[in-house]
Protein backbone atom coordinates (compact mmCIF):
# COMPACT_ATOMS: atom_id res chain seq x y z
CA MET A 1 -11.86 -56.91 -22.30
CA LYS A 2 -8.45 -55.30 -21.83
CA ARG A 3 -9.01 -53.10 -24.91
CA LYS A 4 -12.40 -51.91 -23.60
CA PHE A 5 -10.82 -51.04 -20.29
CA VAL A 6 -8.06 -49.01 -21.98
CA LEU A 7 -10.61 -47.22 -24.17
CA LEU A 8 -12.71 -46.47 -21.08
CA ILE A 9 -9.69 -44.96 -19.34
CA ILE A 10 -8.80 -42.86 -22.40
CA PHE A 11 -12.40 -41.69 -22.74
CA SER A 12 -12.55 -40.82 -19.01
CA LEU A 13 -9.29 -38.86 -19.20
CA THR A 14 -10.47 -37.04 -22.31
CA LEU A 15 -13.72 -36.04 -20.61
CA TRP A 16 -11.88 -34.99 -17.48
CA ALA A 17 -9.44 -32.83 -19.47
CA HIS A 18 -12.28 -31.31 -21.52
CA PHE A 19 -14.38 -30.41 -18.48
CA SER A 20 -11.40 -29.16 -16.50
CA TYR A 21 -10.51 -26.82 -19.36
CA ALA A 22 -14.14 -25.70 -19.73
CA VAL A 23 -14.42 -24.97 -16.02
CA GLU A 24 -11.14 -23.04 -16.06
CA LYS A 25 -12.06 -21.16 -19.26
CA ASN A 26 -15.50 -20.23 -17.95
CA ALA A 27 -14.35 -19.45 -14.43
CA ALA A 28 -15.77 -16.30 -12.99
CA PRO A 29 -13.51 -13.30 -13.31
CA ALA A 30 -11.59 -12.31 -10.22
CA ASN A 31 -13.67 -10.21 -7.91
CA SER A 32 -12.49 -6.93 -6.50
CA ALA A 33 -11.41 -8.65 -3.28
CA THR A 34 -8.65 -10.51 -5.13
CA GLU A 35 -7.64 -7.86 -7.62
CA LEU A 36 -5.08 -5.26 -6.66
CA SER A 37 -5.68 -1.54 -6.85
CA THR A 38 -3.58 0.41 -9.33
CA HIS A 39 -1.25 1.70 -6.60
CA ALA A 40 -0.88 -1.73 -5.02
CA GLN A 41 -0.08 -3.37 -8.36
CA LYS A 42 2.54 -0.69 -9.07
CA ILE A 43 4.18 -1.42 -5.70
CA VAL A 44 4.08 -5.19 -6.27
CA ASP A 45 5.68 -4.81 -9.71
CA TYR A 46 8.34 -2.48 -8.30
CA LEU A 47 9.24 -4.84 -5.46
CA LEU A 48 9.31 -7.99 -7.57
CA ASP A 49 11.73 -6.21 -9.90
CA ASP A 50 13.79 -4.72 -7.05
CA TRP A 51 14.13 -8.04 -5.25
CA GLN A 52 15.78 -9.51 -8.35
CA THR A 53 18.86 -7.43 -7.51
CA GLN A 54 21.24 -9.25 -5.21
CA MET A 55 20.94 -8.22 -1.56
CA HIS A 56 17.81 -6.10 -2.12
CA SER A 57 15.03 -6.72 0.35
CA THR A 58 13.11 -3.48 0.10
CA SER A 59 9.99 -3.02 2.23
CA ILE A 60 6.58 -1.96 0.99
CA ALA A 61 6.89 1.40 2.76
CA LEU A 62 10.23 2.21 1.12
CA ALA A 63 8.90 1.09 -2.28
CA MET A 64 6.05 3.57 -1.88
CA LYS A 65 8.54 6.32 -1.08
CA ASN A 66 10.72 5.38 -4.07
CA LEU A 67 7.63 5.53 -6.28
CA ALA A 68 6.82 9.02 -4.91
CA MET A 69 3.61 7.77 -3.30
CA LYS A 70 2.27 9.23 -0.09
CA PRO A 71 2.26 6.86 2.89
CA ASN A 72 -1.00 4.91 2.84
CA ASP A 73 -1.65 2.17 5.39
CA ALA A 74 -4.60 0.75 3.42
CA VAL A 75 -2.42 0.20 0.33
CA ARG A 76 0.38 -1.28 2.46
CA LEU A 77 -2.14 -3.69 4.00
CA GLU A 78 -3.40 -4.60 0.52
CA VAL A 79 0.11 -5.35 -0.76
CA GLY A 80 1.03 -7.18 2.43
CA LYS A 81 -2.05 -9.38 2.21
CA HIS A 82 -1.25 -10.11 -1.45
CA PHE A 83 2.29 -11.17 -0.56
CA THR A 84 1.11 -13.23 2.40
CA GLU A 85 -1.28 -15.15 0.14
CA LYS A 86 1.23 -15.50 -2.72
CA THR A 87 4.61 -16.24 -1.21
CA ASP A 88 5.60 -18.07 -4.39
CA LEU A 89 5.99 -14.72 -6.21
CA ALA A 90 9.57 -14.20 -4.96
CA ASN A 91 12.27 -16.01 -3.03
CA ASN A 92 12.39 -13.09 -0.57
CA LEU A 93 8.83 -13.91 0.47
CA LYS A 94 9.62 -17.62 0.82
CA TRP A 95 12.86 -17.17 2.74
CA TRP A 96 12.15 -14.16 4.96
CA GLY A 97 8.38 -14.20 5.24
CA ALA A 98 5.89 -11.72 3.82
CA ASN A 99 5.38 -10.04 7.20
CA ASN A 100 8.95 -8.67 7.08
CA TYR A 101 7.94 -6.39 4.25
CA ILE A 102 4.71 -5.03 5.73
CA LEU A 103 6.12 -2.97 8.60
CA SER A 104 7.95 0.31 8.03
CA ASN A 105 11.34 0.78 9.67
CA ASP A 106 9.72 2.86 12.44
CA GLU A 107 7.22 0.07 13.07
CA LYS A 108 10.04 -2.47 13.23
CA LEU A 109 11.71 -0.34 15.93
CA ILE A 110 8.41 -0.27 17.84
CA ALA A 111 8.04 -4.05 17.46
CA LYS A 112 11.60 -4.68 18.66
CA TYR A 113 11.14 -2.47 21.71
CA LEU A 114 7.83 -4.06 22.63
CA ILE A 115 9.14 -7.58 22.17
CA ASN A 116 12.42 -6.98 24.01
CA THR A 117 10.66 -5.31 26.93
CA TYR A 118 8.12 -8.13 27.10
CA ASN A 119 10.75 -10.89 26.85
CA ASP A 120 13.21 -9.26 29.27
CA GLU A 121 10.83 -7.69 31.80
CA LYS A 122 7.52 -9.55 31.22
CA ARG A 123 5.63 -6.31 30.68
CA ILE A 124 4.36 -4.03 27.92
CA PRO A 125 5.56 -0.40 28.18
CA ASP A 126 3.05 2.41 28.33
CA LEU A 127 2.66 4.96 25.54
CA GLN A 128 4.88 7.58 27.20
CA GLU A 129 7.79 5.16 27.72
CA LEU A 130 7.47 3.80 24.20
CA SER A 131 7.28 7.30 22.72
CA LYS A 132 10.46 8.36 24.52
CA ALA A 133 12.34 5.16 23.65
CA ILE A 134 11.44 5.28 19.96
CA GLY A 135 11.62 9.05 19.55
CA MET A 136 8.13 9.41 18.11
CA SER A 137 5.25 11.56 19.23
CA SER A 138 2.44 9.82 21.08
CA SER A 139 -0.08 10.69 18.36
CA ASP A 140 2.12 9.28 15.58
CA LEU A 141 2.89 6.26 17.71
CA GLN A 142 -0.83 5.63 18.27
CA GLY A 143 -1.35 5.44 14.50
CA ARG A 144 1.53 2.98 14.12
CA LEU A 145 0.19 0.78 16.92
CA THR A 146 -3.22 0.71 15.25
CA PHE A 147 -1.62 -0.38 11.98
CA MET A 148 0.43 -3.06 13.77
CA ALA A 149 -2.80 -4.42 15.24
CA GLN A 150 -4.41 -4.45 11.80
CA VAL A 151 -1.58 -6.58 10.40
CA GLY A 152 -1.75 -9.04 13.28
CA LEU A 153 1.30 -8.37 15.46
CA LEU A 154 -0.65 -6.62 18.23
CA GLN A 155 -4.13 -7.00 19.67
CA GLU A 156 -6.23 -4.56 21.65
CA SER A 157 -6.02 -5.12 25.39
CA SER A 158 -7.85 -3.35 28.19
CA GLU A 159 -5.35 -4.89 30.64
CA GLU A 160 -2.37 -2.96 29.26
CA LYS A 161 -1.73 0.77 29.75
CA LEU A 162 -0.65 0.89 26.10
CA ALA A 163 -4.10 -0.50 25.13
CA TYR A 164 -2.34 -3.19 23.06
CA ALA A 165 -0.64 -6.50 23.78
CA LEU A 166 1.48 -8.76 21.61
CA THR A 167 -0.42 -11.57 19.92
CA GLU A 168 0.45 -15.17 20.81
CA LYS A 169 2.32 -15.54 17.53
CA TYR A 170 4.47 -12.42 18.11
CA ASN A 171 7.69 -14.42 18.28
CA ARG A 172 7.10 -16.01 14.87
CA TRP A 173 5.16 -13.20 13.14
CA GLY A 174 8.22 -11.35 11.82
CA GLY A 175 9.88 -14.38 10.27
CA PRO A 176 13.48 -15.40 10.77
CA LEU A 177 14.84 -11.84 10.65
CA ARG A 178 12.95 -10.61 13.71
CA TYR A 179 12.35 -7.04 12.60
CA ASN A 180 15.94 -6.28 11.59
CA PHE A 181 16.55 -3.89 8.73
CA HIS A 182 19.20 -1.75 7.09
CA THR A 183 18.44 0.87 4.48
CA VAL A 184 21.11 1.63 1.91
CA THR A 185 21.13 5.10 0.39
CA GLN A 186 23.52 6.01 -2.43
CA GLU A 187 23.69 9.43 -4.02
CA GLY A 188 21.63 9.58 -7.20
CA GLU A 189 20.09 6.14 -6.57
CA LYS A 190 16.83 4.96 -5.02
CA SER A 191 17.22 3.64 -1.48
CA PHE A 192 16.77 -0.05 -0.82
CA ASP A 193 16.61 -2.29 2.23
CA VAL A 194 18.87 -5.20 3.01
CA TRP A 195 18.59 -7.67 5.89
């Protein structure tokens, strides 16, 4: 009886292993929603390599610049989503949060101003005030606000003069570093960010 039970367990485990392998082997190929575009994959590879250097915490936007790519919000969103879904790719993503790498330095300044004004004065500034405080034209600022809404830090709001409000998770969205950044530039070297 004991021998039959052991054989039954071995047989069950063998079948389970065989079918698990067959399912994995015959799994459908990744669809285009989970595959990265050529540009996005190049950025991911660059950043994963860059982050191996001590103190490097380069953002997606700076990686694109270092790779001589034109700014492209859609590609930044694609890379950001990839990192958000796969935080196990690098310690930087685990420790600091993937959202820290999505925003450009200008967008981090915008986020800091919005958050500080909201926390200190319980209000959201209008576009003119924000433009003056950040030193960015209203039209450029509008594009950055739209992007920040796409990544989940802001939401459209008809109640605010800015037309955007902070999401409920605004205080956690940026991870432990809260939109801080420092870019290091050395002559003859590619710039990199540190936190």
